[in-house]
């Protein structure tokens, strides 16, 4: 097909803010995990599909399969939908508490 450009699982996009490898980022309506460190505005590869361990509020417990959202102000994943962007679902259960600040997230590659 002559109009095909690429698969779309990985996209090279300008970083909306400084990111390190493994950081989540919301670029317009596209959410991805940075493959490399990049300064604001610098092009880097963002992965849009797969399972990643990402930061979450310690006060939240997650059940497997619960919808999760990107909180762009806090730069973490939350179960709170209001004002946040749906990015996928919890791929593992995780409790709440001071030491429970990351969770496994299945990114679906959807666009908000």
PDB file of N, CA and C in Angstrom:
ATOM      1  N   UNK A   1       0.856  -1.164   0.000  1.00  0.00           N
ATOM      2  CA  UNK A   1       0.000   0.000   0.000  1.00  0.00           C
ATOM      3  C   UNK A   1       0.908   1.235   0.000  1.00  0.00           C
ATOM      4  N   UNK A   2       0.748   2.092  -0.946  1.00  0.00           N
ATOM      5  CA  UNK A   2       1.685   3.203  -1.097  1.00  0.00           C
ATOM      6  C   UNK A   2       1.465   4.361  -0.131  1.00  0.00           C
ATOM      7  N   UNK A   3       0.355   4.404   0.602  1.00  0.00           N
ATOM      8  CA  UNK A   3       0.136   5.494   1.553  1.00  0.00           C
ATOM      9  C   UNK A   3       0.457   5.092   2.996  1.00  0.00           C
ATOM     10  N   UNK A   4       0.931   3.851   3.228  1.00  0.00           N
ATOM     11  CA  UNK A   4       1.307   3.390   4.566  1.00  0.00           C
ATOM     12  C   UNK A   4       2.572   4.102   5.021  1.00  0.00           C
ATOM     13  N   UNK A   5       2.586   4.571   6.269  1.00  0.00           N
ATOM     14  CA  UNK A   5       3.735   5.293   6.804  1.00  0.00           C
ATOM     15  C   UNK A   5       4.513   4.440   7.807  1.00  0.00           C
ATOM     16  N   UNK A   6       3.844   3.912   8.844  1.00  0.00           N
ATOM     17  CA  UNK A   6       4.510   3.094   9.863  1.00  0.00           C
ATOM     18  C   UNK A   6       3.461   2.405  10.721  1.00  0.00           C
ATOM     19  N   UNK A   7       3.895   1.460  11.580  1.00  0.00           N
ATOM     20  CA  UNK A   7       2.981   0.704  12.435  1.00  0.00           C
ATOM     21  C   UNK A   7       2.263   1.586  13.459  1.00  0.00           C
ATOM     22  N   UNK A   8       2.978   2.415  14.179  1.00  0.00           N
ATOM     23  CA  UNK A   8       2.341   3.304  15.156  1.00  0.00           C
ATOM     24  C   UNK A   8       2.524   2.902  16.598  1.00  0.00           C
ATOM     25  N   UNK A   9       3.112   1.717  16.864  1.00  0.00           N
ATOM     26  CA  UNK A   9       3.382   1.326  18.247  1.00  0.00           C
ATOM     27  C   UNK A   9       4.426   2.250  18.868  1.00  0.00           C
ATOM     28  N   UNK A  10       5.404   2.634  18.061  1.00  0.00           N
ATOM     29  CA  UNK A  10       6.441   3.587  18.466  1.00  0.00           C
ATOM     30  C   UNK A  10       6.341   4.796  17.562  1.00  0.00           C
ATOM     31  N   UNK A  11       6.320   5.967  18.161  1.00  0.00           N
ATOM     32  CA  UNK A  11       6.247   7.209  17.386  1.00  0.00           C
ATOM     33  C   UNK A  11       7.358   8.154  17.820  1.00  0.00           C
ATOM     34  N   UNK A  12       7.995   8.786  16.864  1.00  0.00           N
ATOM     35  CA  UNK A  12       8.966   9.822  17.170  1.00  0.00           C
ATOM     36  C   UNK A  12       8.210  11.145  17.223  1.00  0.00           C
ATOM     37  N   UNK A  13       8.233  11.750  18.422  1.00  0.00           N
ATOM     38  CA  UNK A  13       7.476  12.977  18.672  1.00  0.00           C
ATOM     39  C   UNK A  13       8.308  13.920  19.522  1.00  0.00           C
ATOM     40  N   UNK A  14       8.007  15.210  19.493  1.00  0.00           N
ATOM     41  CA  UNK A  14       8.717  16.141  20.370  1.00  0.00           C
ATOM     42  C   UNK A  14       8.251  15.972  21.818  1.00  0.00           C
ATOM     43  N   UNK A  15       9.199  15.929  22.733  1.00  0.00           N
ATOM     44  CA  UNK A  15       8.870  15.800  24.159  1.00  0.00           C
ATOM     45  C   UNK A  15       8.138  17.056  24.631  1.00  0.00           C
ATOM     46  N   UNK A  16       6.984  16.903  25.269  1.00  0.00           N
ATOM     47  CA  UNK A  16       6.218  18.070  25.733  1.00  0.00           C
ATOM     48  C   UNK A  16       6.853  18.737  26.958  1.00  0.00           C
ATOM     49  N   UNK A  17       7.727  18.009  27.621  1.00  0.00           N
ATOM     50  CA  UNK A  17       8.497  18.465  28.775  1.00  0.00           C
ATOM     51  C   UNK A  17       9.697  17.536  28.864  1.00  0.00           C
ATOM     52  N   UNK A  18      10.685  17.875  29.667  1.00  0.00           N
ATOM     53  CA  UNK A  18      11.864  17.021  29.790  1.00  0.00           C
ATOM     54  C   UNK A  18      11.441  15.642  30.292  1.00  0.00           C
ATOM     55  N   UNK A  19      11.930  14.590  29.632  1.00  0.00           N
ATOM     56  CA  UNK A  19      11.604  13.221  30.009  1.00  0.00           C
ATOM     57  C   UNK A  19      12.882  12.395  30.108  1.00  0.00           C
ATOM     58  N   UNK A  20      12.817  11.363  30.932  1.00  0.00           N
ATOM     59  CA  UNK A  20      13.861  10.348  31.005  1.00  0.00           C
ATOM     60  C   UNK A  20      13.312   9.070  30.399  1.00  0.00           C
ATOM     61  N   UNK A  21      14.181   8.169  30.040  1.00  0.00           N
ATOM     62  CA  UNK A  21      13.747   6.871  29.539  1.00  0.00           C
ATOM     63  C   UNK A  21      12.815   6.231  30.569  1.00  0.00           C
ATOM     64  N   UNK A  22      11.641   5.802  30.135  1.00  0.00           N
ATOM     65  CA  UNK A  22      10.668   5.182  31.027  1.00  0.00           C
ATOM     66  C   UNK A  22       9.617   6.119  31.576  1.00  0.00           C
ATOM     67  N   UNK A  23       9.760   7.418  31.330  1.00  0.00           N
ATOM     68  CA  UNK A  23       8.761   8.382  31.792  1.00  0.00           C
ATOM     69  C   UNK A  23       7.551   8.398  30.864  1.00  0.00           C
ATOM     70  N   UNK A  24       6.372   8.535  31.435  1.00  0.00           N
ATOM     71  CA  UNK A  24       5.166   8.730  30.654  1.00  0.00           C
ATOM     72  C   UNK A  24       5.062  10.175  30.211  1.00  0.00           C
ATOM     73  N   UNK A  25       4.408  10.388  29.084  1.00  0.00           N
ATOM     74  CA  UNK A  25       4.217  11.756  28.589  1.00  0.00           C
ATOM     75  C   UNK A  25       2.960  11.817  27.736  1.00  0.00           C
ATOM     76  N   UNK A  26       2.267  12.929  27.837  1.00  0.00           N
ATOM     77  CA  UNK A  26       1.085  13.192  27.023  1.00  0.00           C
ATOM     78  C   UNK A  26       1.453  14.254  26.001  1.00  0.00           C
ATOM     79  N   UNK A  27       1.413  13.855  24.726  1.00  0.00           N
ATOM     80  CA  UNK A  27       1.743  14.745  23.628  1.00  0.00           C
ATOM     81  C   UNK A  27       0.437  15.018  22.894  1.00  0.00           C
ATOM     82  N   UNK A  28      -0.201  16.142  23.193  1.00  0.00           N
ATOM     83  CA  UNK A  28      -1.529  16.395  22.641  1.00  0.00           C
ATOM     84  C   UNK A  28      -2.494  15.353  23.169  1.00  0.00           C
ATOM     85  N   UNK A  29      -3.029  14.516  22.288  1.00  0.00           N
ATOM     86  CA  UNK A  29      -3.928  13.432  22.685  1.00  0.00           C
ATOM     87  C   UNK A  29      -3.255  12.074  22.636  1.00  0.00           C
ATOM     88  N   UNK A  30      -1.937  12.053  22.462  1.00  0.00           N
ATOM     89  CA  UNK A  30      -1.187  10.798  22.359  1.00  0.00           C
ATOM     90  C   UNK A  30      -0.390  10.583  23.642  1.00  0.00           C
ATOM     91  N   UNK A  31      -0.588   9.414  24.285  1.00  0.00           N
ATOM     92  CA  UNK A  31       0.203   9.072  25.456  1.00  0.00           C
ATOM     93  C   UNK A  31       1.220   8.023  25.071  1.00  0.00           C
ATOM     94  N   UNK A  32       2.438   8.181  25.588  1.00  0.00           N
ATOM     95  CA  UNK A  32       3.469   7.178  25.360  1.00  0.00           C
ATOM     96  C   UNK A  32       4.506   7.204  26.461  1.00  0.00           C
ATOM     97  N   UNK A  33       5.357   6.195  26.442  1.00  0.00           N
ATOM     98  CA  UNK A  33       6.461   6.095  27.387  1.00  0.00           C
ATOM     99  C   UNK A  33       7.742   6.380  26.619  1.00  0.00           C
ATOM    100  N   UNK A  34       8.528   7.326  27.117  1.00  0.00           N
ATOM    101  CA  UNK A  34       9.754   7.734  26.434  1.00  0.00           C
ATOM    102  C   UNK A  34      10.774   6.598  26.405  1.00  0.00           C
ATOM    103  N   UNK A  35      11.374   6.386  25.240  1.00  0.00           N
ATOM    104  CA  UNK A  35      12.407   5.367  25.090  1.00  0.00           C
ATOM    105  C   UNK A  35      13.769   5.877  25.532  1.00  0.00           C
ATOM    106  N   UNK A  36      13.973   7.182  25.437  1.00  0.00           N
ATOM    107  CA  UNK A  36      15.250   7.789  25.783  1.00  0.00           C
ATOM    108  C   UNK A  36      15.013   9.101  26.521  1.00  0.00           C
ATOM    109  N   UNK A  37      16.077   9.643  27.068  1.00  0.00           N
ATOM    110  CA  UNK A  37      16.023  10.952  27.705  1.00  0.00           C
ATOM    111  C   UNK A  37      15.902  12.015  26.623  1.00  0.00           C
ATOM    112  N   UNK A  38      15.076  13.038  26.870  1.00  0.00           N
ATOM    113  CA  UNK A  38      14.921  14.121  25.899  1.00  0.00           C
ATOM    114  C   UNK A  38      14.574  15.413  26.621  1.00  0.00           C
ATOM    115  N   UNK A  39      15.085  16.511  26.088  1.00  0.00           N
ATOM    116  CA  UNK A  39      14.744  17.838  26.591  1.00  0.00           C
ATOM    117  C   UNK A  39      13.414  18.264  25.991  1.00  0.00           C
ATOM    118  N   UNK A  40      12.783  19.256  26.571  1.00  0.00           N
ATOM    119  CA  UNK A  40      11.522  19.776  26.047  1.00  0.00           C
ATOM    120  C   UNK A  40      11.693  20.146  24.570  1.00  0.00           C
ATOM    121  N   UNK A  41      10.781  19.680  23.740  1.00  0.00           N
ATOM    122  CA  UNK A  41      10.795  19.972  22.311  1.00  0.00           C
ATOM    123  C   UNK A  41      11.697  19.071  21.488  1.00  0.00           C
ATOM    124  N   UNK A  42      12.539  18.275  22.132  1.00  0.00           N
ATOM    125  CA  UNK A  42      13.448  17.371  21.424  1.00  0.00           C
ATOM    126  C   UNK A  42      12.699  16.113  20.980  1.00  0.00           C
ATOM    127  N   UNK A  43      12.926  15.691  19.751  1.00  0.00           N
ATOM    128  CA  UNK A  43      12.295  14.469  19.249  1.00  0.00           C
ATOM    129  C   UNK A  43      12.863  13.246  19.955  1.00  0.00           C
ATOM    130  N   UNK A  44      11.976  12.345  20.342  1.00  0.00           N
ATOM    131  CA  UNK A  44      12.370  11.061  20.906  1.00  0.00           C
ATOM    132  C   UNK A  44      11.290  10.045  20.578  1.00  0.00           C
ATOM    133  N   UNK A  45      11.603   8.797  20.762  1.00  0.00           N
ATOM    134  CA  UNK A  45      10.644   7.727  20.484  1.00  0.00           C
ATOM    135  C   UNK A  45       9.772   7.491  21.712  1.00  0.00           C
ATOM    136  N   UNK A  46       8.468   7.451  21.502  1.00  0.00           N
ATOM    137  CA  UNK A  46       7.503   7.143  22.546  1.00  0.00           C
ATOM    138  C   UNK A  46       6.806   5.833  22.191  1.00  0.00           C
ATOM    139  N   UNK A  47       6.755   4.909  23.153  1.00  0.00           N
ATOM    140  CA  UNK A  47       6.097   3.619  22.968  1.00  0.00           C
ATOM    141  C   UNK A  47       4.658   3.759  23.424  1.00  0.00           C
ATOM    142  N   UNK A  48       3.710   3.349  22.572  1.00  0.00           N
ATOM    143  CA  UNK A  48       2.288   3.559  22.845  1.00  0.00           C
ATOM    144  C   UNK A  48       1.541   2.304  23.270  1.00  0.00           C
ATOM    145  N   UNK A  49       2.158   1.133  23.131  1.00  0.00           N
ATOM    146  CA  UNK A  49       1.485  -0.124  23.469  1.00  0.00           C
ATOM    147  C   UNK A  49       2.427  -1.018  24.252  1.00  0.00           C
ATOM    148  N   UNK A  50       1.861  -1.796  25.179  1.00  0.00           N
ATOM    149  CA  UNK A  50       2.651  -2.723  25.973  1.00  0.00           C
ATOM    150  C   UNK A  50       2.332  -2.561  27.448  1.00  0.00           C
ATOM    151  N   UNK A  51       3.081  -3.285  28.279  1.00  0.00           N
ATOM    152  CA  UNK A  51       2.895  -3.210  29.730  1.00  0.00           C
ATOM    153  C   UNK A  51       4.119  -2.534  30.334  1.00  0.00           C
ATOM    154  N   UNK A  52       3.873  -1.513  31.143  1.00  0.00           N
ATOM    155  CA  UNK A  52       4.934  -0.727  31.753  1.00  0.00           C
ATOM    156  C   UNK A  52       4.644  -0.537  33.234  1.00  0.00           C
ATOM    157  N   UNK A  53       5.692  -0.443  34.032  1.00  0.00           N
ATOM    158  CA  UNK A  53       5.553  -0.042  35.430  1.00  0.00           C
ATOM    159  C   UNK A  53       5.662   1.476  35.454  1.00  0.00           C
ATOM    160  N   UNK A  54       4.609   2.122  35.941  1.00  0.00           N
ATOM    161  CA  UNK A  54       4.546   3.585  35.944  1.00  0.00           C
ATOM    162  C   UNK A  54       4.167   4.081  37.336  1.00  0.00           C
ATOM    163  N   UNK A  55       4.509   5.330  37.650  1.00  0.00           N
ATOM    164  CA  UNK A  55       4.191   5.873  38.971  1.00  0.00           C
ATOM    165  C   UNK A  55       2.689   6.065  39.174  1.00  0.00           C
ATOM    166  N   UNK A  56       2.262   5.887  40.425  1.00  0.00           N
ATOM    167  CA  UNK A  56       0.861   6.064  40.805  1.00  0.00           C
ATOM    168  C   UNK A  56       0.802   6.693  42.185  1.00  0.00           C
ATOM    169  N   UNK A  57      -0.331   7.264  42.561  1.00  0.00           N
ATOM    170  CA  UNK A  57      -0.472   7.782  43.929  1.00  0.00           C
ATOM    171  C   UNK A  57      -0.444   6.625  44.931  1.00  0.00           C
ATOM    172  N   UNK A  58       0.332   6.780  45.987  1.00  0.00           N
ATOM    173  CA  UNK A  58       0.404   5.737  47.004  1.00  0.00           C
ATOM    174  C   UNK A  58      -0.925   5.467  47.680  1.00  0.00           C
ATOM    175  N   UNK A  59      -1.801   6.440  47.699  1.00  0.00           N
ATOM    176  CA  UNK A  59      -3.090   6.305  48.390  1.00  0.00           C
ATOM    177  C   UNK A  59      -4.110   5.475  47.610  1.00  0.00           C
ATOM    178  N   UNK A  60      -3.799   5.103  46.354  1.00  0.00           N
ATOM    179  CA  UNK A  60      -4.751   4.342  45.547  1.00  0.00           C
ATOM    180  C   UNK A  60      -4.381   2.863  45.483  1.00  0.00           C
ATOM    181  N   UNK A  61      -5.386   2.011  45.635  1.00  0.00           N
ATOM    182  CA  UNK A  61      -5.228   0.577  45.387  1.00  0.00           C
ATOM    183  C   UNK A  61      -5.841   0.289  44.019  1.00  0.00           C
ATOM    184  N   UNK A  62      -5.204  -0.598  43.261  1.00  0.00           N
ATOM    185  CA  UNK A  62      -5.713  -0.950  41.933  1.00  0.00           C
ATOM    186  C   UNK A  62      -6.076  -2.430  41.895  1.00  0.00           C
ATOM    187  N   UNK A  63      -7.173  -2.746  41.235  1.00  0.00           N
ATOM    188  CA  UNK A  63      -7.538  -4.126  40.919  1.00  0.00           C
ATOM    189  C   UNK A  63      -7.148  -4.385  39.458  1.00  0.00           C
ATOM    190  N   UNK A  64      -6.858  -5.615  39.132  1.00  0.00           N
ATOM    191  CA  UNK A  64      -6.524  -5.965  37.750  1.00  0.00           C
ATOM    192  C   UNK A  64      -7.677  -5.567  36.832  1.00  0.00           C
ATOM    193  N   UNK A  65      -7.349  -4.890  35.759  1.00  0.00           N
ATOM    194  CA  UNK A  65      -8.342  -4.537  34.754  1.00  0.00           C
ATOM    195  C   UNK A  65      -9.028  -3.203  34.949  1.00  0.00           C
ATOM    196  N   UNK A  66      -8.796  -2.535  36.075  1.00  0.00           N
ATOM    197  CA  UNK A  66      -9.426  -1.235  36.285  1.00  0.00           C
ATOM    198  C   UNK A  66      -8.850  -0.234  35.276  1.00  0.00           C
ATOM    199  N   UNK A  67      -9.707   0.645  34.756  1.00  0.00           N
ATOM    200  CA  UNK A  67      -9.237   1.675  33.831  1.00  0.00           C
ATOM    201  C   UNK A  67      -8.307   2.629  34.560  1.00  0.00           C
ATOM    202  N   UNK A  68      -7.224   3.028  33.868  1.00  0.00           N
ATOM    203  CA  UNK A  68      -6.290   3.979  34.452  1.00  0.00           C
ATOM    204  C   UNK A  68      -6.098   5.169  33.519  1.00  0.00           C
ATOM    205  N   UNK A  69      -5.772   6.292  34.117  1.00  0.00           N
ATOM    206  CA  UNK A  69      -5.726   7.583  33.431  1.00  0.00           C
ATOM    207  C   UNK A  69      -4.396   8.273  33.731  1.00  0.00           C
ATOM    208  N   UNK A  70      -3.939   9.089  32.792  1.00  0.00           N
ATOM    209  CA  UNK A  70      -2.728   9.877  33.005  1.00  0.00           C
ATOM    210  C   UNK A  70      -3.112  11.224  33.606  1.00  0.00           C
ATOM    211  N   UNK A  71      -2.521  11.536  34.762  1.00  0.00           N
ATOM    212  CA  UNK A  71      -2.683  12.834  35.404  1.00  0.00           C
ATOM    213  C   UNK A  71      -1.488  13.670  34.961  1.00  0.00           C
ATOM    214  N   UNK A  72      -1.682  14.534  33.989  1.00  0.00           N
ATOM    215  CA  UNK A  72      -0.574  15.280  33.396  1.00  0.00           C
ATOM    216  C   UNK A  72       0.008  16.311  34.351  1.00  0.00           C
ATOM    217  N   UNK A  73      -0.774  16.778  35.329  1.00  0.00           N
ATOM    218  CA  UNK A  73      -0.251  17.733  36.313  1.00  0.00           C
ATOM    219  C   UNK A  73       0.694  17.017  37.288  1.00  0.00           C
ATOM    220  N   UNK A  74       0.296  15.847  37.771  1.00  0.00           N
ATOM    221  CA  UNK A  74       1.095  15.094  38.740  1.00  0.00           C
ATOM    222  C   UNK A  74       2.119  14.179  38.059  1.00  0.00           C
ATOM    223  N   UNK A  75       1.968  13.987  36.743  1.00  0.00           N
ATOM    224  CA  UNK A  75       2.844  13.092  35.966  1.00  0.00           C
ATOM    225  C   UNK A  75       2.820  11.670  36.533  1.00  0.00           C
ATOM    226  N   UNK A  76       1.590  11.173  36.799  1.00  0.00           N
ATOM    227  CA  UNK A  76       1.443   9.792  37.240  1.00  0.00           C
ATOM    228  C   UNK A  76       0.129   9.209  36.730  1.00  0.00           C
ATOM    229  N   UNK A  77      -0.048   7.920  36.968  1.00  0.00           N
ATOM    230  CA  UNK A  77      -1.226   7.184  36.528  1.00  0.00           C
ATOM    231  C   UNK A  77      -2.180   7.061  37.712  1.00  0.00           C
ATOM    232  N   UNK A  78      -3.460   7.258  37.439  1.00  0.00           N
ATOM    233  CA  UNK A  78      -4.468   7.285  38.492  1.00  0.00           C
ATOM    234  C   UNK A  78      -5.735   6.565  38.023  1.00  0.00           C
ATOM    235  N   UNK A  79      -6.568   6.215  38.972  1.00  0.00           N
ATOM    236  CA  UNK A  79      -7.884   5.669  38.629  1.00  0.00           C
ATOM    237  C   UNK A  79      -8.940   6.768  38.560  1.00  0.00           C
ATOM    238  N   UNK A  80      -8.537   8.000  38.832  1.00  0.00           N
ATOM    239  CA  UNK A  80      -9.445   9.148  38.786  1.00  0.00           C
ATOM    240  C   UNK A  80      -9.613   9.609  37.341  1.00  0.00           C
ATOM    241  N   UNK A  81     -10.821   9.543  36.826  1.00  0.00           N
ATOM    242  CA  UNK A  81     -11.059   9.908  35.429  1.00  0.00           C
ATOM    243  C   UNK A  81     -11.200  11.413  35.219  1.00  0.00           C
ATOM    244  N   UNK A  82     -11.784  12.115  36.184  1.00  0.00           N
ATOM    245  CA  UNK A  82     -12.075  13.548  36.021  1.00  0.00           C
ATOM    246  C   UNK A  82     -10.806  14.349  35.740  1.00  0.00           C
ATOM    247  N   UNK A  83     -10.777  14.994  34.587  1.00  0.00           N
ATOM    248  CA  UNK A  83      -9.667  15.861  34.224  1.00  0.00           C
ATOM    249  C   UNK A  83      -8.425  15.150  33.734  1.00  0.00           C
ATOM    250  N   UNK A  84      -8.496  13.825  33.606  1.00  0.00           N
ATOM    251  CA  UNK A  84      -7.335  13.037  33.206  1.00  0.00           C
ATOM    252  C   UNK A  84      -7.609  12.289  31.899  1.00  0.00           C
ATOM    253  N   UNK A  85      -6.570  11.693  31.315  1.00  0.00           N
ATOM    254  CA  UNK A  85      -6.659  11.051  30.002  1.00  0.00           C
ATOM    255  C   UNK A  85      -6.565   9.538  30.131  1.00  0.00           C
ATOM    256  N   UNK A  86      -7.575   8.818  29.639  1.00  0.00           N
ATOM    257  CA  UNK A  86      -7.572   7.359  29.660  1.00  0.00           C
ATOM    258  C   UNK A  86      -6.393   6.840  28.846  1.00  0.00           C
ATOM    259  N   UNK A  87      -5.563   5.972  29.465  1.00  0.00           N
ATOM    260  CA  UNK A  87      -4.409   5.422  28.748  1.00  0.00           C
ATOM    261  C   UNK A  87      -4.418   3.897  28.668  1.00  0.00           C
ATOM    262  N   UNK A  88      -5.247   3.231  29.474  1.00  0.00           N
ATOM    263  CA  UNK A  88      -5.270   1.769  29.431  1.00  0.00           C
ATOM    264  C   UNK A  88      -5.910   1.190  30.669  1.00  0.00           C
ATOM    265  N   UNK A  89      -5.314   0.079  31.159  1.00  0.00           N
ATOM    266  CA  UNK A  89      -5.863  -0.631  32.305  1.00  0.00           C
ATOM    267  C   UNK A  89      -4.742  -1.161  33.181  1.00  0.00           C
ATOM    268  N   UNK A  90      -5.054  -1.357  34.457  1.00  0.00           N
ATOM    269  CA  UNK A  90      -4.083  -1.940  35.374  1.00  0.00           C
ATOM    270  C   UNK A  90      -3.827  -3.392  34.968  1.00  0.00           C
ATOM    271  N   UNK A  91      -2.550  -3.746  34.820  1.00  0.00           N
ATOM    272  CA  UNK A  91      -2.180  -5.109  34.421  1.00  0.00           C
ATOM    273  C   UNK A  91      -1.778  -5.945  35.631  1.00  0.00           C
ATOM    274  N   UNK A  92      -1.965  -5.409  36.810  1.00  0.00           N
ATOM    275  CA  UNK A  92      -1.672  -6.123  38.042  1.00  0.00           C
ATOM    276  C   UNK A  92      -2.318  -5.406  39.202  1.00  0.00           C
ATOM    277  N   UNK A  93      -2.657  -6.173  40.226  1.00  0.00           N
ATOM    278  CA  UNK A  93      -3.221  -5.567  41.433  1.00  0.00           C
ATOM    279  C   UNK A  93      -2.092  -4.938  42.232  1.00  0.00           C
ATOM    280  N   UNK A  94      -2.395  -3.823  42.872  1.00  0.00           N
ATOM    281  CA  UNK A  94      -1.422  -3.148  43.732  1.00  0.00           C
ATOM    282  C   UNK A  94      -2.188  -2.487  44.876  1.00  0.00           C
ATOM    283  N   UNK A  95      -1.598  -2.510  46.042  1.00  0.00           N
ATOM    284  CA  UNK A  95      -2.252  -1.946  47.213  1.00  0.00           C
ATOM    285  C   UNK A  95      -2.039  -0.457  47.337  1.00  0.00           C
ATOM    286  N   UNK A  96      -2.492   0.079  48.453  1.00  0.00           N
ATOM    287  CA  UNK A  96      -2.276   1.495  48.738  1.00  0.00           C
ATOM    288  C   UNK A  96      -1.358   1.601  49.944  1.00  0.00           C
ATOM    289  N   UNK A  97      -0.659   2.697  50.023  1.00  0.00           N
ATOM    290  CA  UNK A  97       0.272   2.919  51.121  1.00  0.00           C
ATOM    291  C   UNK A  97       1.502   3.653  50.625  1.00  0.00           C
ATOM    292  N   UNK A  98       2.291   4.119  51.555  1.00  0.00           N
ATOM    293  CA  UNK A  98       3.451   4.948  51.226  1.00  0.00           C
ATOM    294  C   UNK A  98       4.423   4.255  50.269  1.00  0.00           C
ATOM    295  N   UNK A  99       4.577   2.951  50.363  1.00  0.00           N
ATOM    296  CA  UNK A  99       5.518   2.227  49.505  1.00  0.00           C
ATOM    297  C   UNK A  99       4.914   1.700  48.220  1.00  0.00           C
ATOM    298  N   UNK A 100       3.647   1.955  47.988  1.00  0.00           N
ATOM    299  CA  UNK A 100       2.940   1.418  46.813  1.00  0.00           C
ATOM    300  C   UNK A 100       2.775   2.521  45.766  1.00  0.00           C
ATOM    301  N   UNK A 101       3.883   2.997  45.217  1.00  0.00           N
ATOM    302  CA  UNK A 101       3.854   4.165  44.343  1.00  0.00           C
ATOM    303  C   UNK A 101       4.102   3.846  42.877  1.00  0.00           C
ATOM    304  N   UNK A 102       3.961   2.585  42.500  1.00  0.00           N
ATOM    305  CA  UNK A 102       4.030   2.231  41.075  1.00  0.00           C
ATOM    306  C   UNK A 102       3.121   1.044  40.824  1.00  0.00           C
ATOM    307  N   UNK A 103       2.690   0.923  39.574  1.00  0.00           N
ATOM    308  CA  UNK A 103       1.814  -0.173  39.189  1.00  0.00           C
ATOM    309  C   UNK A 103       2.037  -0.545  37.739  1.00  0.00           C
ATOM    310  N   UNK A 104       1.671  -1.781  37.396  1.00  0.00           N
ATOM    311  CA  UNK A 104       1.786  -2.248  36.021  1.00  0.00           C
ATOM    312  C   UNK A 104       0.590  -1.752  35.217  1.00  0.00           C
ATOM    313  N   UNK A 105       0.888  -1.140  34.067  1.00  0.00           N
ATOM    314  CA  UNK A 105      -0.147  -0.539  33.225  1.00  0.00           C
ATOM    315  C   UNK A 105      -0.063  -1.121  31.825  1.00  0.00           C
ATOM    316  N   UNK A 106      -1.200  -1.604  31.323  1.00  0.00           N
ATOM    317  CA  UNK A 106      -1.314  -2.040  29.939  1.00  0.00           C
ATOM    318  C   UNK A 106      -1.741  -0.848  29.109  1.00  0.00           C
ATOM    319  N   UNK A 107      -0.814  -0.357  28.264  1.00  0.00           N
ATOM    320  CA  UNK A 107      -1.142   0.742  27.369  1.00  0.00           C
ATOM    321  C   UNK A 107      -1.824   0.161  26.148  1.00  0.00           C
ATOM    322  N   UNK A 108      -2.937   0.756  25.776  1.00  0.00           N
ATOM    323  CA  UNK A 108      -3.723   0.238  24.659  1.00  0.00           C
ATOM    324  C   UNK A 108      -3.462   0.957  23.353  1.00  0.00           C
ATOM    325  N   UNK A 109      -2.717   2.059  23.389  1.00  0.00           N
ATOM    326  CA  UNK A 109      -2.413   2.792  22.183  1.00  0.00           C
ATOM    327  C   UNK A 109      -3.558   3.652  21.671  1.00  0.00           C
ATOM    328  N   UNK A 110      -4.628   3.740  22.444  1.00  0.00           N
ATOM    329  CA  UNK A 110      -5.763   4.558  22.002  1.00  0.00           C
ATOM    330  C   UNK A 110      -5.418   6.032  22.097  1.00  0.00           C
ATOM    331  N   UNK A 111      -6.122   6.821  21.368  1.00  0.00           N
ATOM    332  CA  UNK A 111      -5.943   8.270  21.379  1.00  0.00           C
ATOM    333  C   UNK A 111      -7.158   8.886  22.056  1.00  0.00           C
ATOM    334  N   UNK A 112      -6.885   9.828  22.949  1.00  0.00           N
ATOM    335  CA  UNK A 112      -7.976  10.451  23.698  1.00  0.00           C
ATOM    336  C   UNK A 112      -8.839  11.311  22.804  1.00  0.00           C
TER     337      UNK A 112
END
